[in-house]
N, C-alpha and C. Protein backbone atom coordinates (compact mmCIF):
# COMPACT_ATOMS: atom_id res chain seq x y z
N MET A 1 107.75 106.28 103.81
CA MET A 1 107.02 105.17 104.39
C MET A 1 107.15 103.96 103.47
N SER A 2 107.26 102.82 104.10
CA SER A 2 107.37 101.58 103.32
C SER A 2 106.60 100.48 104.03
N PHE A 3 106.27 99.46 103.27
CA PHE A 3 105.51 98.35 103.80
C PHE A 3 106.42 97.18 104.12
N GLN A 4 106.05 96.46 105.16
CA GLN A 4 106.77 95.26 105.59
C GLN A 4 105.78 94.11 105.58
N LYS A 5 106.17 93.00 104.97
CA LYS A 5 105.33 91.81 104.94
C LYS A 5 105.37 91.15 106.30
N ILE A 6 104.19 90.73 106.79
CA ILE A 6 104.13 90.05 108.08
C ILE A 6 103.41 88.71 107.90
N ASP A 7 103.58 87.86 108.87
CA ASP A 7 102.87 86.58 108.89
C ASP A 7 101.45 86.83 109.38
N LEU A 8 100.48 86.25 108.71
CA LEU A 8 99.09 86.42 109.09
C LEU A 8 98.85 86.06 110.56
N LYS A 9 99.60 85.09 111.07
CA LYS A 9 99.46 84.67 112.48
C LYS A 9 99.84 85.77 113.46
N ASP A 10 100.62 86.75 113.00
CA ASP A 10 101.04 87.85 113.85
C ASP A 10 100.08 89.03 113.83
N LEU A 11 99.02 88.93 113.05
CA LEU A 11 98.08 90.01 112.91
C LEU A 11 97.14 90.07 114.11
N ASP A 12 97.02 91.24 114.70
CA ASP A 12 96.09 91.47 115.81
C ASP A 12 95.07 92.49 115.30
N MET A 13 93.87 92.02 114.96
CA MET A 13 92.91 92.88 114.29
C MET A 13 91.50 92.52 114.72
N ASN A 14 90.71 93.54 115.03
CA ASN A 14 89.29 93.36 115.27
C ASN A 14 88.60 93.59 113.92
N VAL A 15 88.25 92.52 113.24
CA VAL A 15 87.69 92.59 111.90
C VAL A 15 86.39 93.39 111.89
N PHE A 16 85.57 93.24 112.91
CA PHE A 16 84.29 93.93 112.95
C PHE A 16 84.49 95.45 113.02
N GLU A 17 85.43 95.87 113.82
CA GLU A 17 85.75 97.29 113.94
C GLU A 17 86.41 97.80 112.65
N ALA A 18 87.37 97.05 112.15
CA ALA A 18 88.14 97.49 110.98
C ALA A 18 87.26 97.63 109.74
N ILE A 19 86.38 96.67 109.50
CA ILE A 19 85.54 96.73 108.30
C ILE A 19 84.29 97.56 108.55
N GLY A 20 83.56 97.24 109.59
CA GLY A 20 82.25 97.86 109.81
C GLY A 20 82.29 99.29 110.28
N HIS A 21 83.31 99.66 111.03
CA HIS A 21 83.38 101.01 111.58
C HIS A 21 84.43 101.87 110.88
N ASP A 22 85.65 101.35 110.74
CA ASP A 22 86.74 102.13 110.16
C ASP A 22 86.74 102.12 108.64
N TRP A 23 86.14 101.09 108.04
CA TRP A 23 86.02 100.90 106.60
C TRP A 23 87.35 100.45 105.98
N MET A 24 87.26 100.02 104.74
CA MET A 24 88.43 99.57 103.99
C MET A 24 88.26 100.00 102.55
N LEU A 25 89.35 99.97 101.81
CA LEU A 25 89.31 100.21 100.37
C LEU A 25 89.54 98.89 99.65
N ILE A 26 88.70 98.62 98.66
CA ILE A 26 88.91 97.51 97.74
C ILE A 26 89.50 98.13 96.48
N SER A 27 90.68 97.67 96.08
CA SER A 27 91.38 98.28 94.94
C SER A 27 91.86 97.22 93.97
N ALA A 28 91.81 97.56 92.70
CA ALA A 28 92.31 96.66 91.67
C ALA A 28 92.72 97.50 90.47
N GLY A 29 93.50 96.87 89.61
CA GLY A 29 93.93 97.53 88.40
C GLY A 29 95.32 97.07 88.02
N ASP A 30 95.94 97.86 87.15
CA ASP A 30 97.30 97.55 86.71
C ASP A 30 98.11 98.85 86.73
N GLN A 31 99.28 98.82 86.11
CA GLN A 31 100.14 100.01 86.13
C GLN A 31 99.53 101.17 85.35
N ASP A 32 98.60 100.89 84.45
CA ASP A 32 98.00 101.94 83.62
C ASP A 32 96.77 102.57 84.26
N LYS A 33 95.94 101.77 84.93
CA LYS A 33 94.69 102.30 85.45
C LYS A 33 94.29 101.53 86.72
N VAL A 34 93.90 102.28 87.73
CA VAL A 34 93.54 101.74 89.04
C VAL A 34 92.21 102.35 89.45
N ASN A 35 91.40 101.57 90.14
CA ASN A 35 90.23 102.15 90.78
C ASN A 35 90.07 101.53 92.17
N THR A 36 89.37 102.26 93.01
CA THR A 36 89.17 101.84 94.39
C THR A 36 87.79 102.24 94.84
N MET A 37 87.30 101.56 95.86
CA MET A 37 86.01 101.92 96.46
C MET A 37 86.07 101.62 97.95
N THR A 38 85.33 102.38 98.70
CA THR A 38 85.21 102.16 100.14
C THR A 38 84.18 101.06 100.38
N ALA A 39 84.48 100.20 101.34
CA ALA A 39 83.55 99.13 101.70
C ALA A 39 83.45 99.03 103.22
N SER A 40 82.22 98.76 103.67
CA SER A 40 82.00 98.54 105.10
C SER A 40 81.30 97.21 105.33
N TRP A 41 81.21 96.41 104.29
CA TRP A 41 80.69 95.05 104.39
C TRP A 41 81.79 94.11 103.94
N GLY A 42 81.96 93.02 104.65
CA GLY A 42 82.96 92.03 104.26
C GLY A 42 83.25 91.12 105.43
N GLY A 43 84.17 90.23 105.22
CA GLY A 43 84.52 89.30 106.28
C GLY A 43 85.86 88.64 106.04
N MET A 44 86.30 87.93 107.06
CA MET A 44 87.56 87.18 107.00
C MET A 44 87.36 85.90 107.80
N GLY A 45 88.02 84.86 107.35
CA GLY A 45 87.91 83.61 108.07
C GLY A 45 88.65 82.49 107.36
N VAL A 46 88.21 81.28 107.63
CA VAL A 46 88.83 80.10 107.03
C VAL A 46 87.74 79.36 106.26
N LEU A 47 88.03 79.07 105.00
CA LEU A 47 87.11 78.34 104.15
C LEU A 47 87.93 77.47 103.20
N TRP A 48 87.50 76.24 103.02
CA TRP A 48 88.19 75.31 102.14
C TRP A 48 89.67 75.16 102.54
N ASN A 49 89.90 75.18 103.86
CA ASN A 49 91.25 75.05 104.43
C ASN A 49 92.20 76.17 104.01
N GLN A 50 91.63 77.32 103.71
CA GLN A 50 92.43 78.48 103.34
C GLN A 50 91.98 79.70 104.13
N ASN A 51 92.91 80.60 104.40
CA ASN A 51 92.58 81.90 105.01
C ASN A 51 92.02 82.78 103.90
N VAL A 52 90.82 83.30 104.13
CA VAL A 52 90.14 84.03 103.07
C VAL A 52 89.56 85.35 103.57
N VAL A 53 89.28 86.21 102.60
CA VAL A 53 88.46 87.41 102.81
C VAL A 53 87.22 87.25 101.94
N ILE A 54 86.17 87.93 102.33
CA ILE A 54 84.95 87.97 101.53
C ILE A 54 84.63 89.44 101.31
N ALA A 55 84.56 89.82 100.04
CA ALA A 55 84.26 91.20 99.67
C ALA A 55 83.00 91.22 98.83
N TYR A 56 82.24 92.29 98.96
CA TYR A 56 80.96 92.43 98.25
C TYR A 56 80.98 93.71 97.44
N ILE A 57 80.60 93.59 96.16
CA ILE A 57 80.59 94.77 95.28
C ILE A 57 79.30 94.78 94.47
N ARG A 58 78.60 95.91 94.48
CA ARG A 58 77.38 96.05 93.69
C ARG A 58 77.73 96.15 92.20
N PRO A 59 76.80 95.74 91.33
CA PRO A 59 77.12 95.68 89.90
C PRO A 59 77.42 97.03 89.26
N GLN A 60 76.87 98.11 89.79
CA GLN A 60 77.08 99.41 89.17
C GLN A 60 78.41 100.07 89.56
N ARG A 61 79.13 99.48 90.50
CA ARG A 61 80.38 100.09 90.94
C ARG A 61 81.47 99.91 89.89
N TYR A 62 82.15 100.99 89.58
CA TYR A 62 83.23 100.98 88.59
C TYR A 62 84.35 100.04 89.02
N THR A 63 84.63 99.98 90.30
CA THR A 63 85.69 99.10 90.81
C THR A 63 85.43 97.65 90.46
N LYS A 64 84.17 97.26 90.34
CA LYS A 64 83.84 95.88 90.00
C LYS A 64 84.49 95.46 88.68
N GLU A 65 84.50 96.35 87.71
CA GLU A 65 85.13 96.05 86.42
C GLU A 65 86.61 95.71 86.61
N PHE A 66 87.27 96.44 87.48
CA PHE A 66 88.69 96.23 87.73
C PHE A 66 88.92 94.91 88.46
N VAL A 67 88.12 94.65 89.47
CA VAL A 67 88.23 93.39 90.22
C VAL A 67 87.96 92.21 89.30
N ASP A 68 86.95 92.33 88.45
CA ASP A 68 86.60 91.24 87.54
C ASP A 68 87.71 90.93 86.54
N HIS A 69 88.50 91.92 86.17
CA HIS A 69 89.54 91.73 85.16
C HIS A 69 90.91 91.38 85.72
N GLN A 70 91.03 91.31 87.03
CA GLN A 70 92.30 90.98 87.65
C GLN A 70 92.19 89.70 88.46
N GLU A 71 93.29 89.01 88.58
CA GLU A 71 93.33 87.80 89.42
C GLU A 71 93.34 88.17 90.89
N CYS A 72 93.99 89.29 91.21
CA CYS A 72 94.17 89.72 92.60
C CYS A 72 93.64 91.14 92.80
N PHE A 73 93.31 91.44 94.05
CA PHE A 73 92.97 92.80 94.44
C PHE A 73 93.49 93.02 95.86
N SER A 74 93.39 94.25 96.33
CA SER A 74 93.86 94.54 97.69
C SER A 74 92.72 95.05 98.55
N LEU A 75 92.85 94.80 99.85
CA LEU A 75 92.02 95.42 100.87
C LEU A 75 92.96 96.26 101.71
N SER A 76 92.69 97.55 101.81
CA SER A 76 93.56 98.47 102.52
C SER A 76 92.81 99.08 103.69
N PHE A 77 93.50 99.18 104.82
CA PHE A 77 92.94 99.71 106.05
C PHE A 77 93.78 100.91 106.49
N PHE A 78 93.14 101.87 107.16
CA PHE A 78 93.76 103.15 107.46
C PHE A 78 93.57 103.54 108.92
N ASP A 79 94.45 104.41 109.41
CA ASP A 79 94.25 105.11 110.67
C ASP A 79 93.65 106.46 110.30
N GLY A 80 92.38 106.65 110.59
CA GLY A 80 91.74 107.91 110.22
C GLY A 80 91.36 107.93 108.75
N TYR A 81 91.53 109.09 108.13
CA TYR A 81 91.20 109.30 106.71
C TYR A 81 89.72 109.04 106.42
N LYS A 82 88.87 109.22 107.41
CA LYS A 82 87.44 108.93 107.23
C LYS A 82 86.82 109.83 106.16
N LYS A 83 87.21 111.09 106.12
CA LYS A 83 86.68 112.01 105.11
C LYS A 83 87.07 111.54 103.71
N GLU A 84 88.34 111.17 103.54
CA GLU A 84 88.82 110.70 102.24
C GLU A 84 88.13 109.39 101.83
N LEU A 85 87.97 108.48 102.79
CA LEU A 85 87.29 107.22 102.50
C LEU A 85 85.83 107.47 102.13
N GLY A 86 85.21 108.47 102.75
CA GLY A 86 83.85 108.84 102.39
C GLY A 86 83.75 109.29 100.93
N VAL A 87 84.69 110.11 100.51
CA VAL A 87 84.71 110.56 99.11
C VAL A 87 84.94 109.38 98.18
N LEU A 88 85.88 108.52 98.51
CA LEU A 88 86.19 107.37 97.66
C LEU A 88 85.02 106.39 97.57
N GLY A 89 84.12 106.43 98.52
CA GLY A 89 82.93 105.59 98.49
C GLY A 89 81.77 106.22 97.75
N ARG A 90 81.73 107.55 97.68
CA ARG A 90 80.61 108.26 97.06
C ARG A 90 80.85 108.62 95.59
N VAL A 91 82.08 108.94 95.27
CA VAL A 91 82.41 109.47 93.95
C VAL A 91 82.88 108.33 93.05
N SER A 92 82.44 108.34 91.81
CA SER A 92 82.85 107.30 90.87
C SER A 92 84.15 107.67 90.17
N GLY A 93 85.02 106.69 90.04
CA GLY A 93 86.26 106.87 89.28
C GLY A 93 86.01 107.01 87.79
N ARG A 94 84.79 106.72 87.34
CA ARG A 94 84.44 106.94 85.93
C ARG A 94 84.42 108.43 85.61
N ASP A 95 84.07 109.24 86.62
CA ASP A 95 83.80 110.66 86.41
C ASP A 95 84.97 111.57 86.73
N THR A 96 85.86 111.12 87.59
CA THR A 96 86.95 111.99 88.05
C THR A 96 88.09 111.11 88.57
N ASP A 97 89.27 111.69 88.71
CA ASP A 97 90.39 110.98 89.32
C ASP A 97 90.27 111.16 90.83
N LYS A 98 89.38 110.37 91.42
CA LYS A 98 89.06 110.54 92.84
C LYS A 98 90.24 110.24 93.75
N ILE A 99 91.14 109.37 93.31
CA ILE A 99 92.33 109.07 94.12
C ILE A 99 93.19 110.32 94.24
N GLN A 100 93.40 111.00 93.14
CA GLN A 100 94.17 112.25 93.17
C GLN A 100 93.40 113.32 93.94
N ASP A 101 92.08 113.34 93.79
CA ASP A 101 91.26 114.36 94.47
C ASP A 101 91.40 114.29 95.99
N VAL A 102 91.59 113.09 96.55
CA VAL A 102 91.75 112.96 98.01
C VAL A 102 93.22 112.95 98.43
N HIS A 103 94.11 113.14 97.46
CA HIS A 103 95.56 113.23 97.70
C HIS A 103 96.16 111.93 98.24
N PHE A 104 95.61 110.79 97.80
CA PHE A 104 96.21 109.49 98.11
C PHE A 104 97.26 109.18 97.05
N HIS A 105 98.21 108.34 97.41
CA HIS A 105 99.33 107.99 96.54
C HIS A 105 99.32 106.49 96.29
N THR A 106 99.10 106.11 95.04
CA THR A 106 99.05 104.71 94.67
C THR A 106 100.45 104.11 94.72
N THR A 107 100.52 102.91 95.27
CA THR A 107 101.75 102.13 95.26
C THR A 107 101.34 100.70 94.95
N TYR A 108 102.31 99.85 94.66
CA TYR A 108 102.00 98.47 94.27
C TYR A 108 102.75 97.50 95.16
N LEU A 109 102.03 96.51 95.66
CA LEU A 109 102.61 95.41 96.40
C LEU A 109 102.28 94.15 95.61
N GLU A 110 103.29 93.43 95.18
CA GLU A 110 103.09 92.23 94.36
C GLU A 110 102.28 92.56 93.11
N ASN A 111 102.54 93.74 92.55
CA ASN A 111 101.87 94.24 91.33
C ASN A 111 100.38 94.50 91.53
N VAL A 112 99.93 94.64 92.76
CA VAL A 112 98.54 94.94 93.08
C VAL A 112 98.49 96.34 93.69
N PRO A 113 97.58 97.20 93.22
CA PRO A 113 97.55 98.57 93.75
C PRO A 113 97.01 98.66 95.17
N THR A 114 97.62 99.57 95.91
CA THR A 114 97.16 99.97 97.24
C THR A 114 97.61 101.41 97.42
N PHE A 115 97.66 101.89 98.65
CA PHE A 115 97.97 103.30 98.88
C PHE A 115 99.02 103.47 99.96
N GLN A 116 99.92 104.42 99.75
CA GLN A 116 100.98 104.68 100.72
C GLN A 116 100.41 105.09 102.08
N GLU A 117 99.22 105.63 102.10
CA GLU A 117 98.61 106.09 103.34
C GLU A 117 98.04 104.95 104.19
N ALA A 118 97.93 103.76 103.63
CA ALA A 118 97.34 102.63 104.36
C ALA A 118 98.25 102.19 105.49
N LYS A 119 97.63 101.66 106.56
CA LYS A 119 98.42 101.11 107.67
C LYS A 119 98.54 99.59 107.56
N LEU A 120 97.60 98.98 106.84
CA LEU A 120 97.53 97.53 106.73
C LEU A 120 96.94 97.18 105.37
N VAL A 121 97.56 96.21 104.68
CA VAL A 121 97.10 95.84 103.35
C VAL A 121 97.08 94.32 103.22
N PHE A 122 95.97 93.81 102.71
CA PHE A 122 95.86 92.40 102.35
C PHE A 122 95.93 92.30 100.82
N ILE A 123 96.82 91.46 100.32
CA ILE A 123 96.84 91.12 98.90
C ILE A 123 96.13 89.78 98.79
N VAL A 124 95.07 89.75 97.98
CA VAL A 124 94.22 88.56 97.94
C VAL A 124 94.01 88.11 96.49
N GLU A 125 93.78 86.81 96.34
CA GLU A 125 93.55 86.21 95.03
C GLU A 125 92.16 85.59 94.99
N LYS A 126 91.38 85.97 93.99
CA LYS A 126 90.01 85.48 93.87
C LYS A 126 90.01 83.96 93.67
N ILE A 127 89.12 83.27 94.41
CA ILE A 127 88.98 81.83 94.23
C ILE A 127 87.52 81.43 94.00
N TYR A 128 86.58 82.36 94.24
CA TYR A 128 85.16 82.05 94.04
C TYR A 128 84.39 83.36 93.96
N GLN A 129 83.37 83.38 93.10
CA GLN A 129 82.48 84.52 93.09
C GLN A 129 81.09 84.08 92.68
N ASP A 130 80.10 84.81 93.19
CA ASP A 130 78.71 84.54 92.86
C ASP A 130 77.92 85.79 93.20
N THR A 131 76.78 85.94 92.57
CA THR A 131 75.90 87.06 92.86
C THR A 131 74.85 86.62 93.87
N LEU A 132 74.63 87.46 94.87
CA LEU A 132 73.60 87.16 95.86
C LEU A 132 72.25 87.05 95.14
N LYS A 133 71.43 86.13 95.60
CA LYS A 133 70.17 85.84 94.93
C LYS A 133 68.99 86.08 95.88
N PRO A 134 67.94 86.76 95.39
CA PRO A 134 66.81 87.07 96.27
C PRO A 134 66.15 85.83 96.84
N GLU A 135 66.10 84.76 96.10
CA GLU A 135 65.44 83.55 96.59
C GLU A 135 66.22 82.86 97.69
N CYS A 136 67.45 83.25 97.91
CA CYS A 136 68.27 82.63 98.95
C CYS A 136 68.16 83.33 100.30
N PHE A 137 67.48 84.47 100.37
CA PHE A 137 67.30 85.15 101.65
C PHE A 137 66.29 84.39 102.49
N LEU A 138 66.72 83.94 103.64
CA LEU A 138 65.80 83.30 104.58
C LEU A 138 65.01 84.35 105.34
N ASP A 139 65.65 85.48 105.59
CA ASP A 139 64.98 86.63 106.19
C ASP A 139 64.70 87.61 105.06
N LYS A 140 63.51 87.58 104.52
CA LYS A 140 63.13 88.38 103.34
C LYS A 140 63.23 89.88 103.61
N SER A 141 63.18 90.29 104.88
CA SER A 141 63.27 91.71 105.19
C SER A 141 64.66 92.26 104.84
N LEU A 142 65.68 91.42 104.87
CA LEU A 142 67.02 91.86 104.49
C LEU A 142 67.08 92.21 103.01
N ASP A 143 66.40 91.43 102.19
CA ASP A 143 66.33 91.72 100.76
C ASP A 143 65.62 93.05 100.55
N ASP A 144 64.46 93.22 101.15
CA ASP A 144 63.68 94.44 100.98
C ASP A 144 64.45 95.67 101.46
N LYS A 145 65.12 95.53 102.58
CA LYS A 145 65.83 96.67 103.19
C LYS A 145 67.09 97.05 102.42
N ASN A 146 67.87 96.06 101.99
CA ASN A 146 69.18 96.33 101.40
C ASN A 146 69.21 96.36 99.88
N TYR A 147 68.15 95.87 99.24
CA TYR A 147 68.15 95.79 97.78
C TYR A 147 66.85 96.29 97.16
N PRO A 148 66.42 97.51 97.48
CA PRO A 148 65.18 98.02 96.89
C PRO A 148 65.30 98.15 95.36
N GLN A 149 66.51 98.33 94.87
CA GLN A 149 66.73 98.45 93.41
C GLN A 149 67.11 97.11 92.78
N LYS A 150 67.15 96.06 93.59
CA LYS A 150 67.48 94.70 93.13
C LYS A 150 68.88 94.63 92.50
N ASP A 151 69.79 95.48 93.00
CA ASP A 151 71.18 95.51 92.52
C ASP A 151 72.05 94.67 93.45
N TYR A 152 71.89 93.38 93.35
CA TYR A 152 72.53 92.44 94.27
C TYR A 152 74.04 92.42 94.12
N HIS A 153 74.72 92.41 95.26
CA HIS A 153 76.18 92.36 95.29
C HIS A 153 76.71 91.08 94.66
N THR A 154 77.88 91.21 94.05
CA THR A 154 78.69 90.04 93.75
C THR A 154 79.55 89.80 94.97
N MET A 155 79.58 88.55 95.40
CA MET A 155 80.41 88.14 96.55
C MET A 155 81.69 87.52 95.98
N TYR A 156 82.81 88.04 96.43
CA TYR A 156 84.12 87.51 96.04
C TYR A 156 84.75 86.85 97.25
N ILE A 157 85.10 85.60 97.14
CA ILE A 157 85.89 84.93 98.16
C ILE A 157 87.30 84.86 97.60
N ALA A 158 88.25 85.36 98.37
CA ALA A 158 89.63 85.44 97.89
C ALA A 158 90.58 84.94 98.98
N LYS A 159 91.54 84.13 98.57
CA LYS A 159 92.52 83.65 99.54
C LYS A 159 93.52 84.75 99.83
N ILE A 160 93.93 84.81 101.08
CA ILE A 160 94.91 85.81 101.49
C ILE A 160 96.29 85.33 101.07
N LYS A 161 96.92 86.08 100.18
CA LYS A 161 98.26 85.76 99.73
C LYS A 161 99.31 86.36 100.64
N SER A 162 99.10 87.63 101.04
CA SER A 162 100.09 88.34 101.82
C SER A 162 99.43 89.42 102.66
N VAL A 163 100.09 89.78 103.75
CA VAL A 163 99.65 90.88 104.60
C VAL A 163 100.85 91.79 104.80
N TYR A 164 100.61 93.09 104.66
CA TYR A 164 101.66 94.11 104.83
C TYR A 164 101.22 95.15 105.84
N VAL A 165 102.17 95.65 106.61
CA VAL A 165 101.93 96.77 107.51
C VAL A 165 102.96 97.86 107.21
N GLN A 166 102.59 99.07 107.60
CA GLN A 166 103.55 100.18 107.45
C GLN A 166 104.73 99.93 108.39
N ALA A 167 105.92 100.05 107.86
CA ALA A 167 107.13 99.84 108.67
C ALA A 167 107.54 101.12 109.36
């Protein structure tokens, strides 16, 4: 299996289904060490005249360290693999080689890690980040419901550099 770069304009994707229902992997690292996490929150759109993705990572997630230390990261989407994505979302890469445990195979596109099993991959470059703030919630119930431990996500806005599909 190999990846083929496509034009973003040729992408036919239901973002709500892909992120919220099917989930995605956020991955970062280098040739020596990679980590990934499952995410079901995020977005895509146009901001500052650029095509962007928005990814959210809680401070305790090991993947956050990798994303913070790299200029780019990947968002990977799959056909199926729900069980494997569940493990990658629950288990910390600090404790075990979870990528090997689910039998995924790391590959690199533009020197950014992703997985051979993915059907669609976005290579993105960070352009803005900030931590969500409790005082900014207009609907305070969202804060209470989603952040009982006050572990507010870091929001990463990243421009889409490239999109790849399985050839």
